[in-house]
Each structure stands twice: as C-alpha cells, then as structure tokens.
Amino acid sequence: MKELILLVLVSFLVAVAAECPFSHGNDGGNGGANAPPKHDNSPGYSPPANNDTTPSPPASGTPAAPGASPALAPAASPALAPELAPAPAPSLNKTNNGSLSPDYYANICPNLESLVQGAVRGMMASSPIAAAATLRLFFHDCFITGCDASLLIQNPNNDDEQHSSENMFLRADGYKTIAAAKAAVDADPQCTNKVSCADIMALAARDSVTLSGGPTWKVELGRYDALGARASDVDLPLTTEDVPALMKRFSAHGLTVDDLVALSGGHTLGATSCVFVNSRIYPTADAFLDPGFASQLQGICPSNLDPNTFVFFDQSVTSFDNNYFLMVQQKKGVLFSDSALYFDSSSKGIVDKFAADQNAFFTQFVSSMVTLGRLGLKNAANGEIRAICTKPN
C-alpha cells in the first residue's frame, strides 16, 4: 500500500516511443513534451529544470490500481506487418566476455560494487521509479552502439542519442541514479576517474533489479566508454512490431527468442502513458486484448487522449517478479509487442514457462542481461574512461 501511495503521487509519462520489448515500456514520469536535456559540464547528469522528477499529483487522472489494470507501453500506431517493419540495425557483433571480468576492478576500485549499490539504494528510496528508469537506460544504451554509455553523452548541438525521438522520454530518474553512482565512485580516491560510465551503468542496472526483489548476478566489468554519440545511430525495436519483426532485430545482435521474452520481463517494473495505449482500445479494442481488460483500459485512458494519465505495467509495480508474464498470458498486455509474445508459436511456450516458474524467468533474465552486456564492446583503441559521463574527454 505504501508503494502504491508513492506511485499515485508520481506523474508518469512515457519512457520512449518505438523501442524494444525490454525497454519499450515506460519507466513512468513527466517527461512528455518537455524539452530534452541540455548539455551539461558537471559530472554525471544534471536533468533540465523542465524535466523535474519531484513527485507531484498527475495533471489529470490517477494511475489504475495494480489489481485493476496493469499496463506496459507504447503502441502509438497500428501493428506493422513484418515485411513493413523497418530494417534491423546493423549487428553490434556480440562478443564473448573477452577482457571483461567480475574482478576487473578488484585492485583498482575495490569498493566499487558497494559504492554503486549504495547510490542506487538511495535513489530508490527517494524515487519509486528510479529502478525502472535505470534498468531502461541499460537496454537503450546497449542496443544502439553497444554497452558504452553513449546514451549519457549530451552534444552541444543536441545531435546525440538522448535527443533522438526514441530516447527523449527516458526518465530523468535513471540519469540521476547513474550520476549519483558516478559521484559516489569518484568520491573514493582509489576510484576517481578509473571506472567507466558504461560499467557503472551495468552495475546500476543489476542493482535496480536486485533491490526490487529480483535476481542478482556477477556483472562482467572492464568496458570502455564511447568517444561520441549521434542521434542517427538510434534504431530501437518498435512496440508495434510482432515477434518475427522483433526477432530480426534481436537475432542481428546475436540475441535469441529466449532473450527477447526474458528481457521483455523487465516491464514488471514501471508504468506507461495512455499515449501508447489508446491506439489499441479506440475506436475498438484489438483482438489481442481480453475484452474485460480492454474495457478497464478504456475507463482509465480517455478517448481524447490525455498523456498525463497512465496505468501500471503489472500488479506489483515496484517488485521485480513474473507477474508481467501472467498478464501477457491472460491477454492483459497493453503493448502490441507484449501481447504478441503469447500469439507466436516461438515465444508462447516461453511465456507459459516464465508465468509458471519465476525462478526459470530469473535464470534466463540473468543470462540475457549478461549477453546483452557484451554487445558492441569498446577497447582502448576506440574507447576511453570518461571523466564526465555526459561528454567525451
């Protein structure tokens, strides 16, 4: 009940339109039409004033009670047939762990993990959407040019990943969490400017899951940060895509259908704006939605579209569990791409398995996060350890 009260006080909006199953849900927040972040010369990230994350009553409507109507995320246009979907992004050349190791910083920054976890814990205590927002950032970063913290860069001309249409609405709470973790790490004299922003993001994503009741795992470390970022590089999976279309993108990066379904389970945290729900329920609900659930959504999301009205992903909004799969199984997934998981023969059985066995979901989620974390690794020749996460050295 305390968590619900906190969430009711937060004005959620969309994390991102047109992106992947893991992150095409909304962290919740009031990003909306607010201007994207401005360039910042301070360490970490300093969200713009017009993207304030202070909890406040929503402009209109209140989130649906978790037991009434969980939701997922964007579906701003009719589902695309696979042959009409955009071509997948070039492969990020998934690697093995290479030089990555959980012990990479053992002699460089021995207190690294506790420093990052302390910062994440503190942000989660002050913001009920910090965990969801931080987890989203990791996928968005890795799926574009690899796990290189390019998503954090803010170019003076705004031609960066943050300013792309797909990423403009990622929640400031996630960026604030990374900034807090970076500051905590650099405050330790042994660690100052010795830990990559990419590794801090990977650890913070893990801690967001673990501190929300999900699994834990040893994070492979030793990544280098990107030397730059371009908005034109952003090409994320669409929430209007079906499983074959999504798999074109995932398989291009060496990810499997098991990864697709497991990473979609990240939607167990957070909420979404009606902006990405209305196209599925008006003028009539599509066939992938349970009629009763569709009626509930219509009772929450007005047909004249109020972007400040939102609904939760599932019944346990701040807990990392398998409730998302129970909802998808019952035709109560709000995004087309989430619903589609249960209507494709390659993914339906996986949804059933995760819905019946939370440990099976946790095990695969950990494996998929480790695999995701190996995408597009940089080295000393094409990367660096950024002193300030928002700009190259």
Protein backbone atom coordinates (compact mmCIF):
# COMPACT_ATOMS: atom_id res chain seq x y z
CA MET A 1 0.00 0.00 0.00
CA LYS A 2 2.86 2.39 0.77
CA GLU A 3 4.35 1.69 -2.64
CA LEU A 4 1.01 2.31 -4.29
CA ILE A 5 0.59 5.61 -2.49
CA LEU A 6 4.03 6.69 -3.63
CA LEU A 7 3.28 5.73 -7.20
CA VAL A 8 -0.05 7.55 -7.17
CA LEU A 9 1.86 10.72 -6.34
CA VAL A 10 4.19 10.41 -9.30
CA SER A 11 3.14 11.88 -12.63
CA PHE A 12 4.15 9.17 -15.05
CA LEU A 13 4.68 9.62 -18.74
CA VAL A 14 6.36 7.64 -21.44
CA ALA A 15 9.90 6.39 -21.33
CA VAL A 16 10.17 6.10 -25.06
CA ALA A 17 8.16 5.56 -28.18
CA ALA A 18 9.10 2.93 -30.74
CA GLU A 19 11.62 0.80 -28.90
CA CYS A 20 12.39 -2.62 -27.67
CA PRO A 21 10.40 -5.09 -25.60
CA PHE A 22 12.74 -4.79 -22.65
CA SER A 23 12.50 -1.03 -22.59
CA HIS A 24 9.62 0.00 -24.76
CA GLY A 25 7.61 0.20 -21.56
CA ASN A 26 7.51 3.40 -19.63
CA ASP A 27 9.55 4.00 -16.52
CA GLY A 28 6.89 6.43 -15.58
CA GLY A 29 7.50 10.10 -15.20
CA ASN A 30 6.63 13.51 -16.53
CA GLY A 31 8.95 13.75 -19.50
CA GLY A 32 6.23 14.16 -22.09
CA ALA A 33 6.64 17.15 -24.35
CA ASN A 34 9.30 18.65 -22.14
CA ALA A 35 12.49 19.66 -23.87
CA PRO A 36 15.26 17.04 -23.86
CA PRO A 37 18.31 17.51 -21.67
CA LYS A 38 20.67 20.38 -22.34
CA HIS A 39 24.43 19.95 -22.48
CA ASP A 40 25.90 19.73 -19.02
CA ASN A 41 29.51 20.13 -17.94
CA SER A 42 29.06 18.64 -14.50
CA PRO A 43 29.96 15.03 -13.69
CA GLY A 44 27.26 12.50 -14.35
CA TYR A 45 23.97 14.05 -15.38
CA SER A 46 22.04 17.15 -14.43
CA PRO A 47 18.41 16.93 -15.61
CA PRO A 48 16.91 20.13 -17.02
CA ALA A 49 14.58 22.12 -14.84
CA ASN A 50 11.59 21.44 -17.07
CA ASN A 51 12.01 17.70 -16.59
CA ASP A 52 11.61 17.81 -12.84
CA THR A 53 11.12 14.47 -11.17
CA THR A 54 9.78 15.69 -7.85
CA PRO A 55 6.72 13.57 -7.07
CA SER A 56 3.53 15.52 -7.71
CA PRO A 57 -0.10 14.75 -8.45
CA PRO A 58 -0.71 13.82 -12.09
CA ALA A 59 -2.10 16.60 -14.25
CA SER A 60 -5.21 14.56 -14.85
CA GLY A 61 -6.36 11.14 -13.84
CA THR A 62 -4.62 8.79 -11.47
CA PRO A 63 -2.91 5.52 -12.17
CA ALA A 64 -5.05 2.46 -12.17
CA ALA A 65 -4.82 0.38 -9.05
CA PRO A 66 -2.42 -2.50 -9.74
CA GLY A 67 -5.16 -5.08 -9.27
CA ALA A 68 -7.40 -3.30 -11.72
CA SER A 69 -5.38 -2.65 -14.82
CA PRO A 70 -1.62 -3.10 -15.21
CA ALA A 71 -0.13 -1.85 -18.40
CA LEU A 72 3.00 -1.91 -20.42
CA ALA A 73 3.88 0.64 -23.05
CA PRO A 74 3.87 2.37 -26.42
CA ALA A 75 1.58 1.36 -29.25
CA ALA A 76 1.11 4.65 -30.99
CA SER A 77 0.27 3.19 -34.39
CA PRO A 78 -1.30 0.00 -35.77
CA ALA A 79 0.84 -3.11 -35.63
CA LEU A 80 3.21 -3.39 -38.55
CA ALA A 81 3.35 -6.48 -40.64
CA PRO A 82 6.85 -7.99 -40.55
CA GLU A 83 7.52 -7.08 -44.17
CA LEU A 84 6.65 -3.43 -43.45
CA ALA A 85 8.80 -3.12 -40.37
CA PRO A 86 11.99 -1.04 -40.60
CA ALA A 87 15.14 -2.93 -41.43
CA PRO A 88 17.02 -4.06 -38.33
CA ALA A 89 20.06 -2.12 -37.23
CA PRO A 90 23.47 -3.48 -38.21
CA SER A 91 24.83 -6.18 -35.96
CA LEU A 92 26.70 -4.99 -32.90
CA ASN A 93 28.92 -8.03 -33.19
CA LYS A 94 28.13 -9.71 -29.92
CA THR A 95 31.38 -10.82 -28.36
CA ASN A 96 32.34 -13.29 -25.71
CA ASN A 97 33.40 -11.79 -22.43
CA GLY A 98 36.87 -11.04 -23.88
CA SER A 99 38.65 -8.81 -21.38
CA LEU A 100 35.56 -8.48 -19.18
CA SER A 101 35.71 -9.94 -15.70
CA PRO A 102 33.69 -9.52 -12.49
CA ASP A 103 37.04 -8.90 -10.77
CA TYR A 104 38.29 -6.28 -13.24
CA TYR A 105 38.36 -3.52 -10.61
CA ALA A 106 39.47 -5.67 -7.66
CA ASN A 107 42.79 -3.83 -7.36
CA ILE A 108 41.68 -0.58 -8.97
CA CYS A 109 38.50 0.26 -7.09
CA PRO A 110 37.89 -2.50 -4.54
CA ASN A 111 34.76 -0.86 -3.09
CA LEU A 112 33.14 -0.30 -6.49
CA GLU A 113 30.11 -2.55 -6.09
CA SER A 114 29.15 -1.28 -2.65
CA LEU A 115 29.56 2.34 -3.80
CA VAL A 116 27.25 1.87 -6.77
CA GLN A 117 24.72 -0.15 -4.84
CA GLY A 118 24.59 2.45 -2.08
CA ALA A 119 23.83 5.17 -4.63
CA VAL A 120 21.13 3.07 -6.31
CA ARG A 121 19.57 2.23 -2.96
CA GLY A 122 19.48 5.91 -2.04
CA MET A 123 17.82 6.90 -5.31
CA MET A 124 15.25 4.13 -5.00
CA ALA A 125 14.40 5.38 -1.52
CA SER A 126 13.68 8.84 -2.90
CA SER A 127 12.03 7.86 -6.19
CA PRO A 128 9.71 4.89 -6.74
CA ILE A 129 10.55 4.90 -10.45
CA ALA A 130 14.34 5.04 -10.13
CA ALA A 131 14.81 1.29 -10.53
CA ALA A 132 12.64 1.04 -13.64
CA ALA A 133 14.24 4.13 -15.17
CA THR A 134 17.78 2.89 -14.54
CA LEU A 135 17.06 -0.56 -15.93
CA ARG A 136 15.64 1.02 -19.11
CA LEU A 137 18.79 3.09 -19.65
CA PHE A 138 20.97 -0.01 -19.80
CA PHE A 139 18.97 -1.62 -22.59
CA HIS A 140 18.74 1.61 -24.56
CA ASP A 141 22.47 2.11 -24.30
CA CYS A 142 23.49 -1.44 -25.21
CA PHE A 143 21.06 -1.94 -28.08
CA ILE A 144 22.21 1.14 -30.02
CA THR A 145 26.02 1.12 -30.38
CA GLY A 146 26.83 -1.33 -27.62
CA CYS A 147 27.26 -1.04 -23.86
CA ASP A 148 29.43 2.06 -23.99
CA ALA A 149 27.49 4.78 -22.12
CA SER A 150 26.98 6.66 -25.40
CA LEU A 151 23.41 7.28 -24.22
CA LEU A 152 24.73 9.59 -21.49
CA ILE A 153 26.56 11.95 -23.88
CA GLN A 154 24.99 15.38 -24.43
CA ASN A 155 26.32 17.11 -27.56
CA PRO A 156 26.27 20.93 -27.74
CA ASN A 157 24.20 20.72 -30.96
CA ASN A 158 21.80 18.17 -29.41
CA ASP A 159 22.68 15.62 -32.10
CA ASP A 160 23.04 12.82 -29.58
CA GLU A 161 21.19 9.67 -28.58
CA GLN A 162 19.32 11.41 -25.76
CA HIS A 163 17.72 13.80 -28.23
CA SER A 164 16.51 11.13 -30.62
CA SER A 165 12.74 10.68 -30.79
CA GLU A 166 13.12 7.20 -29.31
CA ASN A 167 15.04 8.40 -26.24
CA MET A 168 13.69 11.86 -25.46
CA PHE A 169 11.25 10.47 -22.92
CA LEU A 170 13.56 8.28 -20.89
CA ARG A 171 13.11 9.29 -17.27
CA ALA A 172 15.47 11.69 -15.58
CA ASP A 173 15.34 9.43 -12.50
CA GLY A 174 17.51 6.93 -14.35
CA TYR A 175 20.08 9.52 -15.37
CA LYS A 176 20.09 10.88 -11.81
CA THR A 177 20.78 7.39 -10.50
CA ILE A 178 23.81 6.97 -12.79
CA ALA A 179 25.02 10.46 -11.82
CA ALA A 180 24.73 9.60 -8.13
CA ALA A 181 26.62 6.35 -8.64
CA LYS A 182 29.35 8.10 -10.64
CA ALA A 183 29.72 10.74 -7.93
CA ALA A 184 29.93 8.07 -5.22
CA VAL A 185 32.61 6.17 -7.12
CA ASP A 186 34.70 9.25 -7.88
CA ALA A 187 34.49 10.36 -4.25
CA ASP A 188 36.67 7.37 -3.37
CA PRO A 189 40.29 8.46 -4.05
CA GLN A 190 41.18 4.96 -5.23
CA CYS A 191 38.48 5.09 -7.88
CA THR A 192 38.39 8.66 -9.19
CA ASN A 193 38.08 8.63 -13.00
CA LYS A 194 39.17 4.99 -13.14
CA VAL A 195 35.77 3.33 -13.64
CA SER A 196 33.96 3.62 -16.95
CA CYS A 197 30.48 5.12 -17.08
CA ALA A 198 29.47 2.00 -19.04
CA ASP A 199 30.45 -0.26 -16.15
CA ILE A 200 28.65 1.97 -13.67
CA MET A 201 25.51 1.66 -15.81
CA ALA A 202 25.82 -2.13 -15.90
CA LEU A 203 26.19 -2.35 -12.13
CA ALA A 204 23.35 0.10 -11.51
CA ALA A 205 21.03 -1.91 -13.78
CA ARG A 206 21.82 -5.08 -11.85
CA ASP A 207 21.30 -3.38 -8.51
CA SER A 208 17.98 -1.91 -9.67
CA VAL A 209 16.74 -5.43 -10.32
CA THR A 210 18.19 -6.98 -7.18
CA LEU A 211 16.99 -4.23 -4.83
CA SER A 212 13.50 -4.60 -6.33
CA GLY A 213 13.36 -8.25 -5.26
CA GLY A 214 14.75 -9.74 -8.44
CA PRO A 215 17.80 -11.95 -9.01
CA THR A 216 21.39 -10.92 -8.59
CA TRP A 217 24.42 -11.86 -10.66
CA LYS A 218 28.11 -11.13 -11.10
CA VAL A 219 28.42 -8.26 -13.55
CA GLU A 220 31.24 -8.59 -16.06
CA LEU A 221 33.33 -5.41 -15.97
CA GLY A 222 36.08 -3.75 -17.97
CA ARG A 223 34.08 -1.82 -20.58
CA TYR A 224 35.33 1.35 -22.23
CA ASP A 225 33.12 4.37 -22.87
CA ALA A 226 32.20 5.61 -26.35
CA LEU A 227 34.09 8.56 -27.82
CA GLY A 228 30.88 10.18 -29.06
CA ALA A 229 27.17 9.78 -29.75
CA ARG A 230 24.85 10.52 -32.68
CA ALA A 231 21.08 10.65 -32.76
CA SER A 232 21.17 8.99 -36.18
CA ASP A 233 22.54 5.79 -34.61
CA VAL A 234 19.35 5.19 -32.64
CA ASP A 235 17.27 2.40 -34.16
CA LEU A 236 15.37 0.53 -31.48
CA PRO A 237 12.74 -2.21 -31.89
CA LEU A 238 9.19 -0.91 -32.24
CA THR A 239 6.39 -1.59 -29.82
CA THR A 240 4.08 -2.09 -32.79
CA GLU A 241 6.14 -4.99 -34.14
CA ASP A 242 5.25 -8.66 -33.88
CA VAL A 243 7.66 -11.39 -32.81
CA PRO A 244 9.14 -12.12 -36.27
CA ALA A 245 9.90 -8.42 -36.76
CA LEU A 246 11.36 -8.10 -33.28
CA MET A 247 13.48 -11.20 -33.80
CA LYS A 248 15.01 -9.73 -36.95
CA ARG A 249 16.44 -7.04 -34.72
CA PHE A 250 17.38 -9.26 -31.79
CA SER A 251 18.99 -12.00 -33.88
CA ALA A 252 21.05 -9.37 -35.72
CA HIS A 253 22.69 -8.74 -32.35
CA GLY A 254 23.10 -12.42 -31.51
CA LEU A 255 20.11 -12.46 -29.17
CA THR A 256 17.60 -15.32 -29.15
CA VAL A 257 13.84 -15.56 -28.67
CA ASP A 258 14.53 -16.58 -25.07
CA ASP A 259 16.40 -13.29 -24.65
CA LEU A 260 13.52 -11.39 -26.25
CA VAL A 261 10.93 -12.85 -23.88
CA ALA A 262 13.11 -12.65 -20.77
CA LEU A 263 14.18 -9.06 -21.38
CA SER A 264 10.55 -8.14 -22.02
CA GLY A 265 10.03 -9.23 -18.42
CA GLY A 266 11.74 -6.00 -17.41
CA HIS A 267 8.29 -4.49 -17.87
CA THR A 268 7.43 -5.89 -14.48
CA LEU A 269 8.70 -2.53 -13.19
CA GLY A 270 7.08 0.80 -14.04
CA ALA A 271 4.07 2.27 -15.83
CA THR A 272 3.08 3.81 -19.15
CA SER A 273 1.16 6.76 -20.53
CA CYS A 274 -2.15 6.33 -22.31
CA VAL A 275 -0.40 7.85 -25.34
CA PHE A 276 0.80 4.34 -26.10
CA VAL A 277 -2.39 2.54 -25.15
CA ASN A 278 -5.16 4.39 -26.94
CA SER A 279 -4.43 3.08 -30.43
CA ARG A 280 -5.21 -0.43 -29.17
CA ILE A 281 -8.51 0.41 -27.49
CA TYR A 282 -10.05 3.06 -29.77
CA PRO A 283 -12.26 3.09 -31.69
CA THR A 284 -12.50 -0.59 -30.72
CA ALA A 285 -10.12 -2.86 -28.84
CA ASP A 286 -7.94 -5.17 -30.90
CA ALA A 287 -8.31 -8.94 -30.77
CA PHE A 288 -5.16 -9.46 -28.72
CA LEU A 289 -6.71 -7.86 -25.62
CA ASP A 290 -9.05 -9.52 -23.16
CA PRO A 291 -12.41 -7.70 -23.60
CA GLY A 292 -12.82 -7.04 -19.89
CA PHE A 293 -9.27 -5.72 -19.63
CA ALA A 294 -9.80 -3.55 -22.69
CA SER A 295 -12.88 -2.07 -21.01
CA GLN A 296 -10.83 -1.31 -17.91
CA LEU A 297 -8.24 0.46 -20.04
CA GLN A 298 -10.95 2.48 -21.76
CA GLY A 299 -12.16 3.52 -18.32
CA ILE A 300 -8.68 4.79 -17.49
CA CYS A 301 -7.47 6.24 -20.79
CA PRO A 302 -9.86 8.84 -22.26
CA SER A 303 -10.53 8.65 -25.97
CA ASN A 304 -9.46 12.29 -26.38
CA LEU A 305 -6.01 11.23 -25.19
CA ASP A 306 -4.56 12.67 -22.02
CA PRO A 307 -0.81 11.96 -21.95
CA ASN A 308 -0.71 12.55 -18.20
CA THR A 309 -3.00 9.63 -17.46
CA PHE A 310 -1.18 6.37 -17.04
CA VAL A 311 -1.51 2.75 -15.97
CA PHE A 312 0.87 0.30 -14.33
CA PHE A 313 2.76 -2.48 -16.06
CA ASP A 314 1.51 -5.20 -13.73
CA GLN A 315 0.11 -5.83 -10.28
CA SER A 316 3.38 -5.43 -8.41
CA VAL A 317 4.69 -2.20 -9.82
CA THR A 318 7.89 -1.81 -7.84
CA SER A 319 8.65 -5.52 -7.41
CA PHE A 320 10.70 -7.46 -9.92
CA ASP A 321 8.77 -10.70 -10.39
CA ASN A 322 6.98 -12.77 -13.04
CA ASN A 323 3.60 -11.01 -12.83
CA TYR A 324 4.19 -9.47 -16.26
CA PHE A 325 4.02 -12.92 -17.84
CA LEU A 326 0.82 -13.77 -16.02
CA MET A 327 -0.74 -10.65 -17.52
CA VAL A 328 0.52 -11.40 -21.03
CA GLN A 329 -0.75 -14.96 -20.64
CA GLN A 330 -4.21 -13.61 -19.77
CA LYS A 331 -4.29 -11.27 -22.81
CA LYS A 332 -3.72 -8.30 -20.49
CA GLY A 333 -0.58 -6.93 -22.04
CA VAL A 334 -1.14 -3.35 -23.18
CA LEU A 335 1.54 -3.04 -25.86
CA PHE A 336 1.01 -4.89 -29.08
CA SER A 337 4.57 -6.24 -28.95
CA ASP A 338 3.97 -7.62 -25.46
CA SER A 339 0.66 -9.19 -26.37
CA ALA A 340 2.29 -10.64 -29.48
CA LEU A 341 4.59 -12.77 -27.33
CA TYR A 342 1.65 -15.00 -26.48
CA PHE A 343 0.37 -15.31 -30.01
CA ASP A 344 3.53 -16.55 -31.69
CA SER A 345 4.49 -20.21 -31.53
CA SER A 346 8.17 -19.41 -30.97
CA SER A 347 7.53 -17.39 -27.81
CA LYS A 348 4.24 -18.63 -26.36
CA GLY A 349 5.81 -21.61 -24.58
CA ILE A 350 8.46 -19.39 -23.04
CA VAL A 351 5.81 -17.04 -21.67
CA ASP A 352 3.99 -20.05 -20.20
CA LYS A 353 7.20 -21.31 -18.60
CA PHE A 354 8.05 -17.97 -17.02
CA ALA A 355 4.47 -17.44 -15.84
CA ALA A 356 4.53 -20.82 -14.09
CA ASP A 357 8.09 -20.67 -12.76
CA GLN A 358 9.54 -17.40 -11.53
CA ASN A 359 12.94 -18.99 -10.96
CA ALA A 360 13.05 -20.01 -14.62
CA PHE A 361 12.40 -16.39 -15.57
CA PHE A 362 15.06 -15.13 -13.18
CA THR A 363 17.63 -17.61 -14.50
CA GLN A 364 17.02 -16.65 -18.13
CA PHE A 365 16.85 -12.94 -17.33
CA VAL A 366 20.29 -13.09 -15.74
CA SER A 367 21.68 -14.97 -18.73
CA SER A 368 20.11 -12.49 -21.14
CA MET A 369 21.42 -9.48 -19.22
CA VAL A 370 24.94 -10.91 -19.28
CA THR A 371 24.65 -11.50 -23.03
CA LEU A 372 23.22 -8.02 -23.56
CA GLY A 373 26.11 -6.58 -21.58
CA ARG A 374 28.61 -7.96 -24.10
CA LEU A 375 27.23 -6.07 -27.10
CA GLY A 376 29.49 -3.72 -29.01
CA LEU A 377 32.37 -3.66 -26.54
CA LYS A 378 34.92 -0.90 -27.00
CA ASN A 379 38.63 -1.08 -26.21
CA ALA A 380 41.46 1.38 -25.59
CA ALA A 381 41.75 2.00 -29.33
CA ASN A 382 38.13 3.09 -29.88
CA GLY A 383 37.00 3.98 -26.37
CA GLU A 384 38.02 5.76 -23.18
CA ILE A 385 37.23 6.13 -19.48
CA ARG A 386 35.18 9.33 -19.43
CA ALA A 387 35.87 11.67 -16.53
CA ILE A 388 32.44 13.24 -17.08
CA CYS A 389 29.75 10.86 -18.27
CA THR A 390 27.93 13.49 -20.31
CA LYS A 391 30.81 14.35 -22.63
CA PRO A 392 33.92 12.78 -24.16
CA ASN A 393 37.26 13.62 -22.61
